[in-house]
Amino acid sequence: MVLEKLSDSLKNTLGKIAKSLFVDDKLLNELIKDLQRALLQADVNVKLVFSLTTAIRDRIKKEALPKGLTKKEQLISTVYEELVRFLGKEQYSLEIKKKPFAIMLVGLYGSGKTTSAGKLARYFTKRGHKAAILGLDVYRPAAMAQVEQVAKKANVPCFIDKKEKSPLSIWNACKDELKKFDIIIIDTAGRDALSTDLIKEISALNQAILPDEKFLVISADIGQSAQKQAEEFHKSCDITGVIVSKMDGTAKAGGALSACSITKAPIVFIGTGEKLEDLEHFNPQGFVGRLLGMGDIEALLEKAKEAITEEEAEDLSKRLLKGEFTLIDLFEQMEAMSKMGPLNKIMEMIPGFGQIKLPKEILDVQQEKLVKWKHAMQSMTKEELETPDEQVDTRRIDRIAKGSGVSVGDIRLLLKQYREGKKMVRMLKGTGGDMGKIMKKFQGRMPKMF
């Protein structure tokens, strides 16, 4: 989990509220101290931490209790709302208003610009846009080769010139060809520091290209110096947003997140892993929800859309609501889940599940099980997949085990998983998709918040 230590600290803090008998000044002071300690450990600027916690304290003391909320619920709600406001309040609206739509990436050396270019290309192509990458880093050794590799992984064209030493010349040579694309992602050169040469070059490129978006790529591990970077790059090319890269590799990303959010440079994307799919459109509400263990439904739905088409989802929903469930359905669900990413990342997006502290070993084992179960199902006949209760007996389990290389125990566990899934599907039967009826049937089965 991104910022796992901060998340655990915040969950523990809110857990104290839930367990307390009543809310008084002692509890509030303890809460404020816990929040300050957690945020400071995540490398958030001291002044920002005290500004945030002061706002929380003032609201709790001065605001009347909203109708329908207990004092505990008000306190938790206030912490959530202030953290959301602290990280930018609203999701940045990224609208592709014209074609070609140019996005220029700027940043220091090693910030992850080229990888981010590939991630953006993958992000937009998945949404039906025709994207291309333009490489303008003429200084770093092998920079153009890296652009080629990243573009190949993203399955998009790249425009580079390994001999030319002028970024403007490369742009002028390619700009007519680039008009054929919907999205142009421009990878520029970085430096080890905010040098005068870097600023001049970025300013010149900005004036020549006139990009629609100018994103500063900041590595999450630079901490509080992110604020100065954002301000300086903003002066040079009027950046419109920030991509915080390498969010998965540090516990100190709080500095980059909070510092960017209070400048005129909202966070637009965060990089959550090494794969090209590991890029999220940053949503302060969903991000804070995950930190507090409340889930992030929007991010979950976004992942689901990428993993399964609307037609497939509708077809599966109809079958499930009729009470139909086969091993083929289970297989499709597992396929979709594997496309959505690691199980631990998916769990933190589901409301309530962020509170379940499953050991990493269990999650890893579960991922391994999915692979084995897929192999087992690929060794089954159509009839066995459709009606396993009738078709799969001890003799057939032995045959499937030999054919797939999966142990008998793992196959029995798969059949157990199928039976559990079938029970849940039977509960859905007759609801007609009505959320009220579904929630009533599932009442008591979902983990409670705090």
Protein backbone atom coordinates (compact mmCIF):
# COMPACT_ATOMS: atom_id res chain seq x y z
CA MET A 1 0.00 0.00 0.00
CA VAL A 2 1.18 3.51 -0.82
CA LEU A 3 2.14 5.32 2.41
CA GLU A 4 1.44 2.13 4.37
CA LYS A 5 2.93 3.40 7.64
CA LEU A 6 0.89 6.60 7.50
CA SER A 7 -2.22 4.59 6.65
CA ASP A 8 -1.69 2.24 9.60
CA SER A 9 -1.11 5.18 11.95
CA LEU A 10 -4.26 6.97 10.79
CA LYS A 11 -6.35 3.80 11.10
CA ASN A 12 -5.06 3.24 14.63
CA THR A 13 -5.88 6.85 15.50
CA LEU A 14 -9.45 6.58 14.25
CA GLY A 15 -9.71 3.19 15.93
CA LYS A 16 -9.16 4.92 19.28
CA ILE A 17 -12.13 7.17 18.57
CA ALA A 18 -14.38 4.21 17.82
CA LYS A 19 -13.37 2.39 20.98
CA SER A 20 -13.74 5.40 23.29
CA LEU A 21 -16.89 5.76 25.37
CA PHE A 22 -17.29 9.47 24.64
CA VAL A 23 -15.50 12.37 22.95
CA ASP A 24 -13.91 14.89 25.29
CA ASP A 25 -10.96 17.31 25.25
CA LYS A 26 -8.58 14.57 26.39
CA LEU A 27 -9.50 12.33 23.45
CA LEU A 28 -9.35 15.25 21.01
CA ASN A 29 -5.87 16.26 22.23
CA GLU A 30 -4.67 12.68 21.96
CA LEU A 31 -6.10 12.45 18.44
CA ILE A 32 -4.37 15.67 17.38
CA LYS A 33 -1.01 14.50 18.73
CA ASP A 34 -1.35 11.13 16.98
CA LEU A 35 -2.21 12.84 13.68
CA GLN A 36 0.73 15.23 14.00
CA ARG A 37 3.13 12.39 14.75
CA ALA A 38 1.87 10.30 11.81
CA LEU A 39 2.07 13.17 9.30
CA LEU A 40 5.51 14.33 10.46
CA GLN A 41 6.84 10.77 10.10
CA ALA A 42 5.50 10.80 6.52
CA ASP A 43 7.69 13.87 5.87
CA VAL A 44 4.88 16.44 5.70
CA ASN A 45 6.02 20.00 6.35
CA VAL A 46 5.74 21.02 10.02
CA LYS A 47 3.78 24.21 9.30
CA LEU A 48 1.33 22.31 7.12
CA VAL A 49 0.83 19.67 9.81
CA PHE A 50 -0.02 22.25 12.46
CA SER A 51 -2.29 24.13 10.06
CA LEU A 52 -4.20 20.92 9.31
CA THR A 53 -4.56 19.76 12.91
CA THR A 54 -5.57 23.27 14.05
CA ALA A 55 -8.35 23.27 11.45
CA ILE A 56 -9.58 19.88 12.73
CA ARG A 57 -9.50 21.03 16.36
CA ASP A 58 -11.33 24.30 15.59
CA ARG A 59 -14.06 22.58 13.61
CA ILE A 60 -14.74 20.00 16.32
CA LYS A 61 -14.91 22.67 19.02
CA LYS A 62 -16.94 25.26 17.12
CA GLU A 63 -19.24 23.42 14.72
CA ALA A 64 -22.62 22.18 15.87
CA LEU A 65 -23.22 18.44 15.74
CA PRO A 66 -24.79 17.64 12.33
CA LYS A 67 -28.19 15.99 12.43
CA GLY A 68 -27.99 12.22 12.36
CA LEU A 69 -24.33 12.00 13.42
CA THR A 70 -22.82 11.04 16.75
CA LYS A 71 -19.88 12.99 18.16
CA LYS A 72 -17.54 10.13 17.18
CA GLU A 73 -18.85 10.11 13.62
CA GLN A 74 -18.48 13.87 13.42
CA LEU A 75 -14.84 13.60 14.52
CA ILE A 76 -14.02 10.89 11.98
CA SER A 77 -15.87 12.81 9.25
CA THR A 78 -13.96 16.00 10.08
CA VAL A 79 -10.59 14.25 9.92
CA TYR A 80 -11.53 12.77 6.53
CA GLU A 81 -12.79 16.09 5.11
CA GLU A 82 -9.76 18.08 6.26
CA LEU A 83 -7.31 15.51 4.88
CA VAL A 84 -9.13 15.65 1.54
CA ARG A 85 -8.97 19.44 1.52
CA PHE A 86 -5.30 19.23 2.50
CA LEU A 87 -4.50 17.06 -0.56
CA GLY A 88 -6.29 19.22 -3.11
CA LYS A 89 -10.01 18.69 -2.38
CA GLU A 90 -11.13 17.97 -5.97
CA GLN A 91 -9.87 15.57 -8.63
CA TYR A 92 -8.14 17.40 -11.48
CA SER A 93 -10.40 17.43 -14.53
CA LEU A 94 -8.39 16.22 -17.52
CA GLU A 95 -10.40 17.02 -20.65
CA ILE A 96 -9.16 16.22 -24.15
CA LYS A 97 -10.69 19.19 -25.92
CA LYS A 98 -8.77 19.10 -29.19
CA LYS A 99 -6.57 16.90 -31.35
CA PRO A 100 -3.67 16.59 -31.21
CA PHE A 101 -3.61 17.20 -27.46
CA ALA A 102 -0.03 17.80 -26.28
CA ILE A 103 1.19 16.89 -22.79
CA MET A 104 4.73 17.99 -21.95
CA LEU A 105 6.56 16.29 -19.07
CA VAL A 106 9.24 18.23 -17.17
CA GLY A 107 11.28 17.42 -14.07
CA LEU A 108 14.68 16.76 -12.59
CA TYR A 109 17.03 13.99 -13.69
CA GLY A 110 15.85 10.57 -12.44
CA SER A 111 12.34 11.71 -11.52
CA GLY A 112 10.72 9.07 -13.76
CA LYS A 113 9.60 11.19 -16.73
CA THR A 114 10.22 8.58 -19.44
CA THR A 115 8.46 5.80 -17.52
CA SER A 116 5.60 8.20 -16.79
CA ALA A 117 5.38 8.96 -20.52
CA GLY A 118 4.85 5.25 -21.18
CA LYS A 119 2.28 5.01 -18.41
CA LEU A 120 0.35 7.98 -19.80
CA ALA A 121 0.45 6.45 -23.29
CA ARG A 122 -1.00 3.20 -21.93
CA TYR A 123 -3.58 5.13 -19.88
CA PHE A 124 -4.90 7.06 -22.88
CA THR A 125 -4.82 4.19 -25.39
CA LYS A 126 -6.93 2.11 -23.02
CA ARG A 127 -9.48 4.90 -23.22
CA GLY A 128 -9.63 4.81 -26.99
CA HIS A 129 -7.15 7.57 -27.86
CA LYS A 130 -4.41 7.28 -30.47
CA ALA A 131 -1.24 8.25 -28.60
CA ALA A 132 2.42 8.79 -29.46
CA ILE A 133 5.57 9.66 -27.49
CA LEU A 134 8.03 12.34 -28.57
CA GLY A 135 11.55 12.07 -27.08
CA LEU A 136 13.35 15.40 -26.61
CA ASP A 137 16.03 14.39 -24.09
CA VAL A 138 19.16 14.93 -26.18
CA TYR A 139 21.63 14.92 -23.27
CA ARG A 140 21.21 11.81 -21.15
CA PRO A 141 23.07 8.76 -22.51
CA ALA A 142 20.68 6.13 -23.88
CA ALA A 143 17.66 8.40 -23.24
CA MET A 144 16.32 7.87 -26.75
CA ALA A 145 16.80 4.10 -26.47
CA GLN A 146 14.77 4.14 -23.25
CA VAL A 147 11.98 6.08 -24.96
CA GLU A 148 11.94 3.41 -27.69
CA GLN A 149 11.69 0.60 -25.14
CA VAL A 150 8.94 2.29 -23.13
CA ALA A 151 6.94 3.11 -26.28
CA LYS A 152 7.24 -0.50 -27.45
CA LYS A 153 5.90 -1.76 -24.10
CA ALA A 154 3.03 0.71 -24.31
CA ASN A 155 2.44 -0.35 -27.93
CA VAL A 156 2.54 3.22 -29.25
CA PRO A 157 4.77 4.93 -31.86
CA CYS A 158 7.69 7.06 -30.71
CA PHE A 159 9.40 9.93 -32.48
CA ILE A 160 13.11 10.40 -31.73
CA ASP A 161 16.37 11.43 -33.39
CA LYS A 162 19.48 9.87 -31.88
CA LYS A 163 21.86 12.18 -33.78
CA GLU A 164 20.17 15.57 -33.38
CA LYS A 165 21.28 17.67 -30.37
CA SER A 166 18.58 20.33 -30.53
CA PRO A 167 15.19 19.51 -28.94
CA LEU A 168 13.55 22.29 -30.95
CA SER A 169 14.90 20.85 -34.20
CA ILE A 170 13.43 17.42 -33.35
CA TRP A 171 10.08 19.03 -32.60
CA ASN A 172 10.05 21.01 -35.85
CA ALA A 173 10.93 17.89 -37.84
CA CYS A 174 8.15 15.79 -36.28
CA LYS A 175 5.31 18.22 -35.59
CA ASP A 176 3.46 17.68 -38.88
CA GLU A 177 3.56 13.89 -38.51
CA LEU A 178 2.35 14.18 -34.90
CA LYS A 179 -0.86 15.89 -36.05
CA LYS A 180 -2.18 12.42 -36.95
CA PHE A 181 -2.47 11.49 -33.26
CA ASP A 182 -5.01 12.30 -30.56
CA ILE A 183 -2.48 12.56 -27.73
CA ILE A 184 1.19 13.56 -27.92
CA ILE A 185 3.27 12.88 -24.80
CA ILE A 186 6.51 14.88 -24.83
CA ASP A 187 9.44 13.62 -22.76
CA THR A 188 11.94 16.43 -22.05
CA ALA A 189 15.44 16.43 -20.55
CA GLY A 190 16.09 16.75 -16.84
CA ARG A 191 19.05 17.94 -14.78
CA ASP A 192 20.56 17.12 -11.40
CA ALA A 193 19.38 20.51 -10.16
CA LEU A 194 17.20 23.42 -11.23
CA SER A 195 19.88 24.94 -13.44
CA THR A 196 19.54 28.10 -15.52
CA ASP A 197 20.11 26.05 -18.69
CA LEU A 198 17.26 23.71 -17.84
CA ILE A 199 14.86 26.58 -17.17
CA LYS A 200 15.81 28.32 -20.44
CA GLU A 201 15.32 25.15 -22.48
CA ILE A 202 11.96 24.37 -20.91
CA SER A 203 10.79 27.95 -21.49
CA ALA A 204 11.85 27.78 -25.15
CA LEU A 205 10.10 24.42 -25.70
CA ASN A 206 6.99 25.67 -23.95
CA GLN A 207 6.79 28.72 -26.24
CA ALA A 208 7.41 26.66 -29.39
CA ILE A 209 5.14 23.67 -28.66
CA LEU A 210 2.41 25.45 -26.68
CA PRO A 211 1.40 22.19 -24.93
CA ASP A 212 -2.15 21.84 -23.60
CA GLU A 213 -0.90 20.35 -20.33
CA LYS A 214 2.50 20.74 -18.64
CA PHE A 215 3.03 18.11 -15.99
CA LEU A 216 5.91 18.21 -13.53
CA VAL A 217 7.09 14.70 -12.66
CA ILE A 218 8.29 14.52 -9.06
CA SER A 219 9.73 11.46 -7.35
CA ALA A 220 7.89 10.74 -4.10
CA ASP A 221 11.12 10.15 -2.20
CA ILE A 222 12.37 13.76 -2.47
CA GLY A 223 10.13 14.78 0.41
CA GLN A 224 9.63 18.43 1.29
CA SER A 225 11.86 19.84 -1.47
CA ALA A 226 8.96 19.06 -3.82
CA GLN A 227 7.40 22.40 -2.97
CA LYS A 228 10.40 24.39 -4.20
CA GLN A 229 10.56 22.31 -7.39
CA ALA A 230 6.88 22.87 -8.12
CA GLU A 231 7.23 26.61 -7.60
CA GLU A 232 10.36 26.95 -9.78
CA PHE A 233 9.01 24.88 -12.65
CA HIS A 234 5.74 26.77 -12.41
CA LYS A 235 7.63 30.03 -12.96
CA SER A 236 9.47 28.66 -15.99
CA CYS A 237 6.59 27.09 -17.92
CA ASP A 238 3.43 27.61 -15.88
CA ILE A 239 2.92 23.92 -15.10
CA THR A 240 -0.69 22.79 -14.97
CA GLY A 241 -0.26 19.70 -12.81
CA VAL A 242 2.03 17.21 -11.10
CA ILE A 243 2.68 13.49 -11.49
CA VAL A 244 4.10 12.00 -8.29
CA SER A 245 6.14 8.95 -9.33
CA LYS A 246 7.52 6.04 -7.29
CA MET A 247 4.72 6.21 -4.71
CA ASP A 248 5.12 2.49 -4.03
CA GLY A 249 8.74 2.67 -2.97
CA THR A 250 8.73 5.12 -0.09
CA ALA A 251 7.08 5.82 3.25
CA LYS A 252 8.00 9.51 2.96
CA ALA A 253 5.73 10.50 0.07
CA GLY A 254 3.66 12.78 2.31
CA GLY A 255 6.04 15.64 1.65
CA ALA A 256 5.61 15.51 -2.12
CA LEU A 257 1.83 15.04 -1.92
CA SER A 258 1.10 17.84 0.52
CA ALA A 259 3.65 20.33 -0.84
CA CYS A 260 2.33 20.05 -4.38
CA SER A 261 -1.26 20.33 -3.27
CA ILE A 262 -0.82 23.76 -1.69
CA THR A 263 0.93 25.25 -4.73
CA LYS A 264 -0.82 26.16 -7.96
CA ALA A 265 0.09 22.71 -9.24
CA PRO A 266 -2.53 20.07 -8.36
CA ILE A 267 -1.55 16.40 -8.40
CA VAL A 268 -3.04 14.81 -11.53
CA PHE A 269 -1.55 11.30 -11.47
CA ILE A 270 0.37 9.09 -9.06
CA GLY A 271 2.64 6.21 -10.04
CA THR A 272 1.87 3.22 -7.82
CA GLY A 273 4.25 0.59 -9.21
CA GLU A 274 6.77 -0.33 -11.87
CA LYS A 275 4.35 -1.64 -14.52
CA LEU A 276 2.86 0.64 -17.17
CA GLU A 277 -0.59 -0.07 -15.73
CA ASP A 278 0.45 1.34 -12.35
CA LEU A 279 -0.78 4.89 -12.90
CA GLU A 280 -3.80 6.39 -11.16
CA HIS A 281 -5.72 9.56 -11.86
CA PHE A 282 -5.31 11.14 -8.44
CA ASN A 283 -8.53 11.64 -6.50
CA PRO A 284 -8.01 13.20 -3.03
CA GLN A 285 -11.28 11.77 -1.71
CA GLY A 286 -10.54 8.22 -2.80
CA PHE A 287 -6.90 8.44 -1.76
CA VAL A 288 -7.78 9.58 1.77
CA GLY A 289 -10.49 6.93 1.89
CA ARG A 290 -7.84 4.28 1.28
CA LEU A 291 -5.48 5.78 3.84
CA LEU A 292 -8.24 5.59 6.44
CA GLY A 293 -9.41 2.11 5.42
CA MET A 294 -12.69 3.40 3.98
CA GLY A 295 -12.00 2.19 0.44
CA ASP A 296 -12.06 3.91 -2.95
CA ILE A 297 -15.04 2.80 -5.01
CA GLU A 298 -14.27 5.10 -7.97
CA ALA A 299 -10.74 3.72 -8.36
CA LEU A 300 -12.08 0.17 -8.04
CA LEU A 301 -14.65 0.78 -10.78
CA GLU A 302 -11.97 2.35 -12.97
CA LYS A 303 -9.81 -0.76 -12.56
CA ALA A 304 -12.81 -2.97 -13.27
CA LYS A 305 -13.60 -1.09 -16.51
CA GLU A 306 -10.07 -1.72 -17.72
CA ALA A 307 -10.29 -5.42 -16.86
CA ILE A 308 -13.73 -6.28 -18.29
CA THR A 309 -15.91 -4.74 -21.00
CA GLU A 310 -19.37 -3.34 -20.26
CA GLU A 311 -20.93 -6.11 -22.36
CA GLU A 312 -19.10 -8.82 -20.42
CA ALA A 313 -20.04 -7.20 -17.10
CA GLU A 314 -23.71 -6.91 -18.11
CA ASP A 315 -23.85 -10.51 -19.30
CA LEU A 316 -22.24 -11.76 -16.08
CA SER A 317 -24.58 -9.60 -13.95
CA LYS A 318 -27.66 -11.02 -15.66
CA ARG A 319 -26.50 -14.59 -15.04
CA LEU A 320 -25.67 -13.89 -11.42
CA LEU A 321 -29.00 -12.20 -10.73
CA LYS A 322 -30.73 -15.31 -12.13
CA GLY A 323 -28.78 -17.41 -9.64
CA GLU A 324 -26.59 -19.00 -12.31
CA PHE A 325 -22.95 -19.60 -11.40
CA THR A 326 -20.45 -21.96 -12.99
CA LEU A 327 -16.72 -22.51 -12.78
CA ILE A 328 -16.52 -20.57 -16.05
CA ASP A 329 -18.00 -17.54 -14.25
CA LEU A 330 -15.50 -18.00 -11.43
CA PHE A 331 -12.73 -18.25 -14.03
CA GLU A 332 -13.87 -14.98 -15.67
CA GLN A 333 -13.96 -13.24 -12.30
CA MET A 334 -10.45 -14.46 -11.53
CA GLU A 335 -9.23 -13.30 -14.95
CA ALA A 336 -10.69 -9.84 -14.32
CA MET A 337 -9.20 -9.71 -10.83
CA SER A 338 -5.74 -10.60 -12.12
CA LYS A 339 -5.97 -7.78 -14.68
CA MET A 340 -6.97 -5.31 -11.97
CA GLY A 341 -3.71 -5.82 -10.10
CA PRO A 342 -2.39 -7.43 -6.91
CA LEU A 343 -5.03 -8.62 -4.45
CA ASN A 344 -3.75 -6.37 -1.64
CA LYS A 345 -4.19 -3.25 -3.81
CA ILE A 346 -7.72 -4.28 -4.76
CA MET A 347 -8.68 -5.00 -1.16
CA GLU A 348 -7.72 -1.52 0.01
CA MET A 349 -10.19 -0.04 -2.51
CA ILE A 350 -13.15 -2.03 -1.15
CA PRO A 351 -14.95 -0.19 1.68
CA GLY A 352 -14.28 -1.95 4.98
CA PHE A 353 -11.64 -4.33 3.65
CA GLY A 354 -8.87 -1.79 4.24
CA GLN A 355 -9.38 -2.50 7.95
CA ILE A 356 -8.63 -6.21 7.54
CA LYS A 357 -4.96 -6.74 8.30
CA LEU A 358 -4.13 -9.85 6.30
CA PRO A 359 -0.46 -10.85 6.48
CA LYS A 360 1.51 -10.32 3.27
CA GLU A 361 2.26 -14.05 3.12
CA ILE A 362 -1.46 -14.86 2.93
CA LEU A 363 -2.00 -12.39 0.10
CA ASP A 364 0.98 -13.79 -1.79
CA VAL A 365 -0.28 -17.34 -1.33
CA GLN A 366 -3.72 -16.29 -2.55
CA GLN A 367 -2.16 -14.88 -5.73
CA GLU A 368 -0.36 -18.19 -6.28
CA LYS A 369 -3.61 -20.08 -5.76
CA LEU A 370 -5.30 -18.08 -8.52
CA VAL A 371 -2.64 -19.18 -11.00
CA LYS A 372 -2.97 -22.84 -9.97
CA TRP A 373 -6.76 -22.73 -10.15
CA LYS A 374 -6.61 -21.27 -13.64
CA HIS A 375 -4.37 -24.16 -14.73
CA ALA A 376 -6.76 -26.68 -13.17
CA MET A 377 -9.79 -25.20 -14.91
CA GLN A 378 -7.97 -25.23 -18.24
CA SER A 379 -7.67 -29.03 -17.81
CA MET A 380 -11.42 -29.51 -17.28
CA THR A 381 -14.06 -30.35 -19.85
CA LYS A 382 -16.90 -27.94 -20.71
CA GLU A 383 -19.35 -30.09 -18.73
CA GLU A 384 -17.08 -30.12 -15.66
CA LEU A 385 -16.78 -26.34 -15.78
CA GLU A 386 -20.53 -25.81 -16.14
CA THR A 387 -21.77 -28.32 -13.54
CA PRO A 388 -18.83 -29.22 -11.26
CA ASP A 389 -21.14 -30.45 -8.48
CA GLU A 390 -22.47 -33.17 -10.79
CA GLN A 391 -19.42 -33.91 -12.92
CA VAL A 392 -16.30 -33.59 -10.73
CA ASP A 393 -15.91 -36.62 -8.48
CA THR A 394 -12.78 -38.08 -6.83
CA ARG A 395 -11.72 -39.93 -9.99
CA ARG A 396 -12.00 -36.81 -12.12
CA ILE A 397 -10.15 -34.71 -9.55
CA ASP A 398 -7.21 -37.15 -9.88
CA ARG A 399 -7.36 -36.85 -13.69
CA ILE A 400 -7.48 -33.02 -13.58
CA ALA A 401 -4.56 -32.97 -11.13
CA LYS A 402 -2.39 -35.10 -13.43
CA GLY A 403 -3.34 -33.09 -16.51
CA SER A 404 -2.73 -29.66 -14.97
CA GLY A 405 0.17 -30.36 -12.62
CA VAL A 406 -1.91 -28.95 -9.76
CA SER A 407 -2.25 -30.84 -6.48
CA VAL A 408 -5.46 -32.63 -5.50
CA GLY A 409 -5.67 -30.38 -2.42
CA ASP A 410 -5.61 -27.20 -4.52
CA ILE A 411 -8.37 -28.55 -6.79
CA ARG A 412 -10.54 -29.42 -3.78
CA LEU A 413 -9.94 -25.88 -2.48
CA LEU A 414 -11.05 -24.50 -5.87
CA LEU A 415 -14.28 -26.51 -5.67
CA LYS A 416 -14.84 -25.22 -2.14
CA GLN A 417 -14.34 -21.65 -3.41
CA TYR A 418 -16.87 -22.35 -6.15
CA ARG A 419 -19.46 -23.62 -3.67
CA GLU A 420 -18.99 -20.50 -1.50
CA GLY A 421 -19.41 -18.30 -4.56
CA LYS A 422 -22.53 -20.16 -5.56
CA LYS A 423 -24.05 -19.56 -2.11
CA MET A 424 -23.47 -15.81 -2.51
CA VAL A 425 -25.02 -15.85 -5.99
CA ARG A 426 -28.12 -17.61 -4.64
CA MET A 427 -28.47 -14.73 -2.20
CA LEU A 428 -28.55 -12.30 -5.14
CA LYS A 429 -31.32 -14.23 -6.87
CA GLY A 430 -34.60 -12.39 -6.67
CA THR A 431 -33.09 -9.00 -5.84
CA GLY A 432 -33.38 -7.82 -9.45
CA GLY A 433 -30.27 -5.72 -8.91
CA ASP A 434 -32.04 -3.61 -6.25
CA MET A 435 -29.24 -2.32 -4.01
CA GLY A 436 -31.52 -2.08 -0.97
CA LYS A 437 -32.49 -5.74 -1.25
CA ILE A 438 -28.87 -6.76 -1.87
CA MET A 439 -27.63 -4.87 1.20
CA LYS A 440 -30.30 -6.47 3.38
CA LYS A 441 -29.28 -9.95 2.23
CA PHE A 442 -25.62 -9.23 2.83
CA GLN A 443 -26.16 -7.47 6.16
CA GLY A 444 -23.82 -8.82 8.79
CA ARG A 445 -21.51 -10.46 6.24
CA MET A 446 -19.36 -7.42 5.43
CA PRO A 447 -16.66 -6.21 7.85
CA LYS A 448 -17.58 -3.17 9.91
CA MET A 449 -15.83 0.15 9.69
CA PHE A 450 -13.69 0.69 12.78
